[in-house]
Amino acid sequence: PAMLRDWINYHAENTPATVNYMGKKMDRDYCLLATKVALSLSKKLGRQFETEESRLCIECKDITVDNVVVTNAQDVDAKFSESNGVQQISTSNNSERRQILALGLILYELFTQGSLP
């Protein structure tokens, strides 16, 4: 397992650039891996709203690059760190809209290889 920020930096430094995006060159394989990370995180967020009985809640303030762990390098699975971000009780300050915005900030940083929005 690796923290997402470390994973981004490793791939930015160790893969040859083949795609030019916003003046920054990225490897085509990195783009595919980043897409898999994005899908994995989206699924994790979506699952908490699948049923009314679901008590799993990921707080908006904890949906950050620093709170994501890439758990499997080959299959590129990622999750939110359970030590900070996963709680069992939802708060009123934690809407789907806020979670989507927080996820968008992660995805921006992921697909720009560490640039902040």
N, C-alpha and C. Protein backbone atom coordinates (compact mmCIF):
# COMPACT_ATOMS: atom_id res chain seq x y z
N PRO A 1 0.82 -1.20 0.00
CA PRO A 1 0.00 0.00 0.00
C PRO A 1 0.86 1.26 0.00
N ALA A 2 0.36 2.29 -0.65
CA ALA A 2 1.07 3.57 -0.71
C ALA A 2 0.07 4.71 -0.61
N MET A 3 0.46 5.77 0.04
CA MET A 3 -0.39 6.95 0.08
C MET A 3 -0.50 7.50 -1.34
N LEU A 4 -1.66 8.05 -1.69
CA LEU A 4 -1.90 8.49 -3.06
C LEU A 4 -0.89 9.55 -3.50
N ARG A 5 -0.57 10.50 -2.65
CA ARG A 5 0.39 11.55 -3.03
C ARG A 5 1.75 10.93 -3.40
N ASP A 6 2.19 9.94 -2.62
CA ASP A 6 3.45 9.27 -2.92
C ASP A 6 3.35 8.49 -4.23
N TRP A 7 2.20 7.86 -4.45
CA TRP A 7 1.95 7.09 -5.68
C TRP A 7 2.02 8.01 -6.90
N ILE A 8 1.40 9.18 -6.81
CA ILE A 8 1.42 10.17 -7.90
C ILE A 8 2.85 10.60 -8.18
N ASN A 9 3.58 10.97 -7.13
CA ASN A 9 4.96 11.44 -7.30
C ASN A 9 5.86 10.36 -7.89
N TYR A 10 5.69 9.11 -7.44
CA TYR A 10 6.50 8.01 -7.96
C TYR A 10 6.29 7.86 -9.47
N HIS A 11 5.03 7.84 -9.89
CA HIS A 11 4.75 7.66 -11.31
C HIS A 11 5.16 8.88 -12.13
N ALA A 12 5.06 10.05 -11.59
CA ALA A 12 5.47 11.26 -12.30
C ALA A 12 6.97 11.27 -12.55
N GLU A 13 7.73 10.73 -11.61
CA GLU A 13 9.18 10.74 -11.72
C GLU A 13 9.75 9.54 -12.49
N ASN A 14 9.02 8.42 -12.51
CA ASN A 14 9.59 7.17 -13.03
C ASN A 14 8.99 6.64 -14.32
N THR A 15 8.15 7.41 -14.97
CA THR A 15 7.58 6.94 -16.24
C THR A 15 7.84 7.97 -17.33
N PRO A 16 8.16 7.52 -18.52
CA PRO A 16 8.42 8.46 -19.62
C PRO A 16 7.13 9.16 -20.05
N ALA A 17 7.22 10.41 -20.35
CA ALA A 17 6.04 11.19 -20.74
C ALA A 17 5.69 10.94 -22.20
N THR A 18 4.39 10.71 -22.46
CA THR A 18 3.94 10.51 -23.83
C THR A 18 2.71 11.35 -24.15
N VAL A 19 2.03 11.90 -23.16
CA VAL A 19 0.84 12.70 -23.36
C VAL A 19 1.10 14.10 -22.82
N ASN A 20 0.70 15.11 -23.55
CA ASN A 20 0.87 16.48 -23.11
C ASN A 20 -0.50 17.02 -22.70
N TYR A 21 -0.64 17.42 -21.43
CA TYR A 21 -1.90 17.94 -20.93
C TYR A 21 -1.62 19.18 -20.11
N MET A 22 -2.22 20.28 -20.47
CA MET A 22 -2.05 21.55 -19.76
C MET A 22 -0.57 21.90 -19.60
N GLY A 23 0.21 21.64 -20.63
CA GLY A 23 1.62 21.97 -20.59
C GLY A 23 2.47 21.00 -19.79
N LYS A 24 1.85 19.96 -19.29
CA LYS A 24 2.57 18.95 -18.50
C LYS A 24 2.50 17.63 -19.23
N LYS A 25 3.63 16.96 -19.36
CA LYS A 25 3.66 15.69 -20.07
C LYS A 25 3.40 14.54 -19.10
N MET A 26 2.53 13.62 -19.53
CA MET A 26 2.21 12.46 -18.71
C MET A 26 2.32 11.20 -19.54
N ASP A 27 2.61 10.12 -18.88
CA ASP A 27 2.69 8.81 -19.51
C ASP A 27 1.28 8.29 -19.76
N ARG A 28 1.07 7.66 -20.90
CA ARG A 28 -0.23 7.10 -21.25
C ARG A 28 -0.65 6.03 -20.24
N ASP A 29 0.29 5.21 -19.80
CA ASP A 29 -0.02 4.18 -18.81
C ASP A 29 -0.44 4.80 -17.48
N TYR A 30 0.19 5.92 -17.10
CA TYR A 30 -0.20 6.61 -15.87
C TYR A 30 -1.66 7.06 -15.97
N CYS A 31 -2.05 7.57 -17.13
CA CYS A 31 -3.44 8.01 -17.30
C CYS A 31 -4.41 6.85 -17.07
N LEU A 32 -4.08 5.67 -17.55
CA LEU A 32 -4.93 4.50 -17.34
C LEU A 32 -4.97 4.12 -15.86
N LEU A 33 -3.81 4.10 -15.21
CA LEU A 33 -3.77 3.79 -13.78
C LEU A 33 -4.55 4.82 -12.96
N ALA A 34 -4.41 6.09 -13.30
CA ALA A 34 -5.13 7.15 -12.59
C ALA A 34 -6.63 6.99 -12.77
N THR A 35 -7.05 6.57 -13.95
CA THR A 35 -8.47 6.34 -14.21
C THR A 35 -8.99 5.21 -13.32
N LYS A 36 -8.19 4.16 -13.14
CA LYS A 36 -8.59 3.05 -12.27
C LYS A 36 -8.68 3.50 -10.81
N VAL A 37 -7.75 4.34 -10.38
CA VAL A 37 -7.81 4.88 -9.01
C VAL A 37 -9.09 5.71 -8.85
N ALA A 38 -9.38 6.55 -9.84
CA ALA A 38 -10.57 7.40 -9.79
C ALA A 38 -11.84 6.55 -9.70
N LEU A 39 -11.93 5.50 -10.50
CA LEU A 39 -13.09 4.62 -10.47
C LEU A 39 -13.22 3.93 -9.11
N SER A 40 -12.12 3.47 -8.58
CA SER A 40 -12.12 2.79 -7.28
C SER A 40 -12.65 3.72 -6.19
N LEU A 41 -12.16 4.96 -6.17
CA LEU A 41 -12.61 5.92 -5.15
C LEU A 41 -14.08 6.28 -5.33
N SER A 42 -14.51 6.43 -6.58
CA SER A 42 -15.91 6.75 -6.86
C SER A 42 -16.82 5.64 -6.35
N LYS A 43 -16.42 4.40 -6.58
CA LYS A 43 -17.22 3.27 -6.09
C LYS A 43 -17.30 3.26 -4.57
N LYS A 44 -16.16 3.55 -3.92
CA LYS A 44 -16.16 3.55 -2.45
C LYS A 44 -17.12 4.62 -1.92
N LEU A 45 -17.12 5.79 -2.52
CA LEU A 45 -18.03 6.85 -2.08
C LEU A 45 -19.48 6.48 -2.37
N GLY A 46 -19.73 5.92 -3.54
CA GLY A 46 -21.09 5.59 -3.94
C GLY A 46 -21.71 4.52 -3.09
N ARG A 47 -20.92 3.59 -2.61
CA ARG A 47 -21.46 2.46 -1.83
C ARG A 47 -22.10 2.90 -0.53
N GLN A 48 -21.67 4.02 0.02
CA GLN A 48 -22.25 4.44 1.29
C GLN A 48 -23.69 4.92 1.13
N PHE A 49 -24.12 5.18 -0.11
CA PHE A 49 -25.49 5.65 -0.35
C PHE A 49 -26.38 4.58 -0.98
N GLU A 50 -25.88 3.35 -1.07
CA GLU A 50 -26.65 2.29 -1.73
C GLU A 50 -27.91 1.91 -0.99
N THR A 51 -27.87 1.91 0.32
CA THR A 51 -29.05 1.55 1.09
C THR A 51 -29.29 2.56 2.20
N GLU A 52 -30.53 2.65 2.61
CA GLU A 52 -30.87 3.54 3.72
C GLU A 52 -30.25 3.07 5.03
N GLU A 53 -30.03 1.76 5.14
CA GLU A 53 -29.49 1.19 6.37
C GLU A 53 -27.98 1.38 6.51
N SER A 54 -27.34 1.79 5.42
CA SER A 54 -25.89 1.94 5.46
C SER A 54 -25.50 3.02 6.46
N ARG A 55 -24.67 2.66 7.41
CA ARG A 55 -24.23 3.62 8.42
C ARG A 55 -22.79 4.07 8.16
N LEU A 56 -22.19 3.56 7.08
CA LEU A 56 -20.84 3.96 6.73
C LEU A 56 -20.87 5.38 6.19
N CYS A 57 -19.99 6.19 6.66
CA CYS A 57 -19.96 7.59 6.24
C CYS A 57 -18.52 8.06 6.11
N ILE A 58 -18.20 8.64 4.97
CA ILE A 58 -16.88 9.23 4.77
C ILE A 58 -17.06 10.73 4.82
N GLU A 59 -16.48 11.35 5.80
CA GLU A 59 -16.65 12.79 6.00
C GLU A 59 -15.98 13.59 4.89
N CYS A 60 -16.61 14.68 4.47
CA CYS A 60 -16.09 15.53 3.40
C CYS A 60 -14.68 16.02 3.69
N LYS A 61 -14.45 16.41 4.93
CA LYS A 61 -13.13 16.95 5.29
C LYS A 61 -12.03 15.91 5.15
N ASP A 62 -12.41 14.64 5.12
CA ASP A 62 -11.43 13.57 5.01
C ASP A 62 -11.27 13.04 3.59
N ILE A 63 -11.99 13.61 2.64
CA ILE A 63 -11.86 13.20 1.25
C ILE A 63 -10.78 14.07 0.62
N THR A 64 -9.53 13.69 0.86
CA THR A 64 -8.37 14.43 0.36
C THR A 64 -7.34 13.45 -0.18
N VAL A 65 -6.42 13.97 -0.97
CA VAL A 65 -5.34 13.13 -1.50
C VAL A 65 -4.54 12.51 -0.37
N ASP A 66 -4.33 13.25 0.69
CA ASP A 66 -3.52 12.75 1.81
C ASP A 66 -4.23 11.67 2.62
N ASN A 67 -5.50 11.43 2.36
CA ASN A 67 -6.25 10.43 3.10
C ASN A 67 -6.64 9.25 2.20
N VAL A 68 -5.93 9.07 1.10
CA VAL A 68 -6.20 7.96 0.17
C VAL A 68 -4.99 7.05 0.12
N VAL A 69 -5.25 5.75 0.14
CA VAL A 69 -4.20 4.75 0.06
C VAL A 69 -4.44 3.90 -1.19
N VAL A 70 -3.40 3.76 -2.03
CA VAL A 70 -3.46 2.84 -3.15
C VAL A 70 -3.07 1.49 -2.59
N THR A 71 -4.04 0.56 -2.56
CA THR A 71 -3.85 -0.69 -1.82
C THR A 71 -3.29 -1.83 -2.65
N ASN A 72 -3.42 -1.74 -3.97
CA ASN A 72 -2.95 -2.83 -4.81
C ASN A 72 -2.33 -2.24 -6.07
N ALA A 73 -1.03 -2.36 -6.22
CA ALA A 73 -0.33 -1.75 -7.34
C ALA A 73 -0.71 -2.38 -8.68
N GLN A 74 -0.96 -3.68 -8.71
CA GLN A 74 -1.29 -4.35 -9.97
C GLN A 74 -2.71 -4.05 -10.42
N ASP A 75 -3.68 -4.19 -9.52
CA ASP A 75 -5.07 -3.96 -9.88
C ASP A 75 -5.49 -2.52 -9.67
N VAL A 76 -4.64 -1.72 -9.09
CA VAL A 76 -4.85 -0.30 -8.82
C VAL A 76 -6.17 -0.08 -8.08
N ASP A 77 -6.25 -0.65 -6.90
CA ASP A 77 -7.39 -0.42 -6.03
C ASP A 77 -6.98 0.65 -5.02
N ALA A 78 -7.92 1.50 -4.65
CA ALA A 78 -7.62 2.56 -3.69
C ALA A 78 -8.76 2.64 -2.68
N LYS A 79 -8.44 3.19 -1.51
CA LYS A 79 -9.46 3.36 -0.48
C LYS A 79 -9.13 4.58 0.35
N PHE A 80 -10.12 5.03 1.09
CA PHE A 80 -9.91 6.12 2.02
C PHE A 80 -9.35 5.53 3.30
N SER A 81 -8.38 6.21 3.89
CA SER A 81 -7.73 5.73 5.10
C SER A 81 -8.75 5.60 6.21
N GLU A 82 -8.85 4.43 6.79
CA GLU A 82 -9.84 4.18 7.84
C GLU A 82 -9.49 4.86 9.15
N SER A 83 -8.24 5.20 9.33
CA SER A 83 -7.85 5.82 10.60
C SER A 83 -8.41 7.22 10.74
N ASN A 84 -8.67 7.92 9.61
CA ASN A 84 -9.17 9.28 9.69
C ASN A 84 -10.57 9.45 9.13
N GLY A 85 -10.81 8.90 7.93
CA GLY A 85 -11.98 9.32 7.19
C GLY A 85 -13.22 8.47 7.25
N VAL A 86 -13.17 7.26 7.73
CA VAL A 86 -14.36 6.44 7.69
C VAL A 86 -14.98 6.39 9.08
N GLN A 87 -16.23 6.81 9.15
CA GLN A 87 -16.93 6.81 10.42
C GLN A 87 -18.23 6.05 10.28
N GLN A 88 -18.82 5.73 11.36
CA GLN A 88 -20.07 4.97 11.33
C GLN A 88 -21.31 5.84 11.46
N ILE A 89 -21.17 7.08 11.81
CA ILE A 89 -22.33 7.94 11.99
C ILE A 89 -22.20 9.16 11.09
N SER A 90 -23.25 9.43 10.34
CA SER A 90 -23.24 10.56 9.42
C SER A 90 -23.54 11.86 10.17
N THR A 91 -22.97 12.95 9.69
CA THR A 91 -23.28 14.26 10.26
C THR A 91 -24.07 15.07 9.25
N SER A 92 -24.76 16.09 9.72
CA SER A 92 -25.59 16.90 8.83
C SER A 92 -24.76 17.75 7.89
N ASN A 93 -23.47 17.91 8.17
CA ASN A 93 -22.59 18.74 7.36
C ASN A 93 -21.89 17.91 6.28
N ASN A 94 -22.45 16.77 5.92
CA ASN A 94 -21.78 15.84 5.02
C ASN A 94 -22.73 15.43 3.90
N SER A 95 -22.93 16.29 2.92
CA SER A 95 -23.87 16.00 1.84
C SER A 95 -23.16 15.34 0.66
N GLU A 96 -23.94 14.70 -0.19
CA GLU A 96 -23.39 14.09 -1.40
C GLU A 96 -22.71 15.16 -2.26
N ARG A 97 -23.30 16.32 -2.33
CA ARG A 97 -22.74 17.41 -3.15
C ARG A 97 -21.35 17.80 -2.66
N ARG A 98 -21.18 17.90 -1.37
CA ARG A 98 -19.86 18.24 -0.81
C ARG A 98 -18.85 17.13 -1.05
N GLN A 99 -19.31 15.88 -0.96
CA GLN A 99 -18.41 14.76 -1.20
C GLN A 99 -17.97 14.72 -2.66
N ILE A 100 -18.87 15.03 -3.57
CA ILE A 100 -18.51 15.05 -4.99
C ILE A 100 -17.49 16.14 -5.26
N LEU A 101 -17.67 17.30 -4.66
CA LEU A 101 -16.68 18.39 -4.81
C LEU A 101 -15.32 17.95 -4.27
N ALA A 102 -15.31 17.33 -3.10
CA ALA A 102 -14.05 16.87 -2.51
C ALA A 102 -13.38 15.82 -3.40
N LEU A 103 -14.19 14.90 -3.96
CA LEU A 103 -13.64 13.90 -4.87
C LEU A 103 -13.08 14.57 -6.12
N GLY A 104 -13.77 15.58 -6.62
CA GLY A 104 -13.28 16.31 -7.79
C GLY A 104 -11.92 16.93 -7.56
N LEU A 105 -11.68 17.43 -6.36
CA LEU A 105 -10.38 18.02 -6.03
C LEU A 105 -9.29 16.94 -6.04
N ILE A 106 -9.62 15.76 -5.55
CA ILE A 106 -8.66 14.64 -5.59
C ILE A 106 -8.36 14.28 -7.05
N LEU A 107 -9.41 14.17 -7.86
CA LEU A 107 -9.23 13.77 -9.25
C LEU A 107 -8.41 14.80 -10.03
N TYR A 108 -8.61 16.08 -9.74
CA TYR A 108 -7.82 17.12 -10.40
C TYR A 108 -6.34 16.91 -10.11
N GLU A 109 -6.03 16.72 -8.84
CA GLU A 109 -4.64 16.52 -8.44
C GLU A 109 -4.08 15.23 -9.02
N LEU A 110 -4.91 14.19 -9.07
CA LEU A 110 -4.50 12.90 -9.62
C LEU A 110 -4.17 13.02 -11.10
N PHE A 111 -5.03 13.65 -11.88
CA PHE A 111 -4.84 13.71 -13.33
C PHE A 111 -3.89 14.81 -13.78
N THR A 112 -3.49 15.69 -12.88
CA THR A 112 -2.47 16.68 -13.23
C THR A 112 -1.15 16.35 -12.55
N GLN A 113 -1.05 15.16 -12.00
CA GLN A 113 0.14 14.65 -11.33
C GLN A 113 0.64 15.57 -10.24
N GLY A 114 -0.27 15.98 -9.38
CA GLY A 114 0.12 16.71 -8.19
C GLY A 114 -0.13 18.20 -8.20
N SER A 115 -0.60 18.76 -9.32
CA SER A 115 -0.91 20.19 -9.35
C SER A 115 -2.17 20.45 -8.54
N LEU A 116 -2.18 21.53 -7.81
CA LEU A 116 -3.34 21.88 -7.00
C LEU A 116 -4.30 22.72 -7.83
N PRO A 117 -5.62 22.56 -7.58
CA PRO A 117 -6.61 23.37 -8.33
C PRO A 117 -6.54 24.83 -7.96
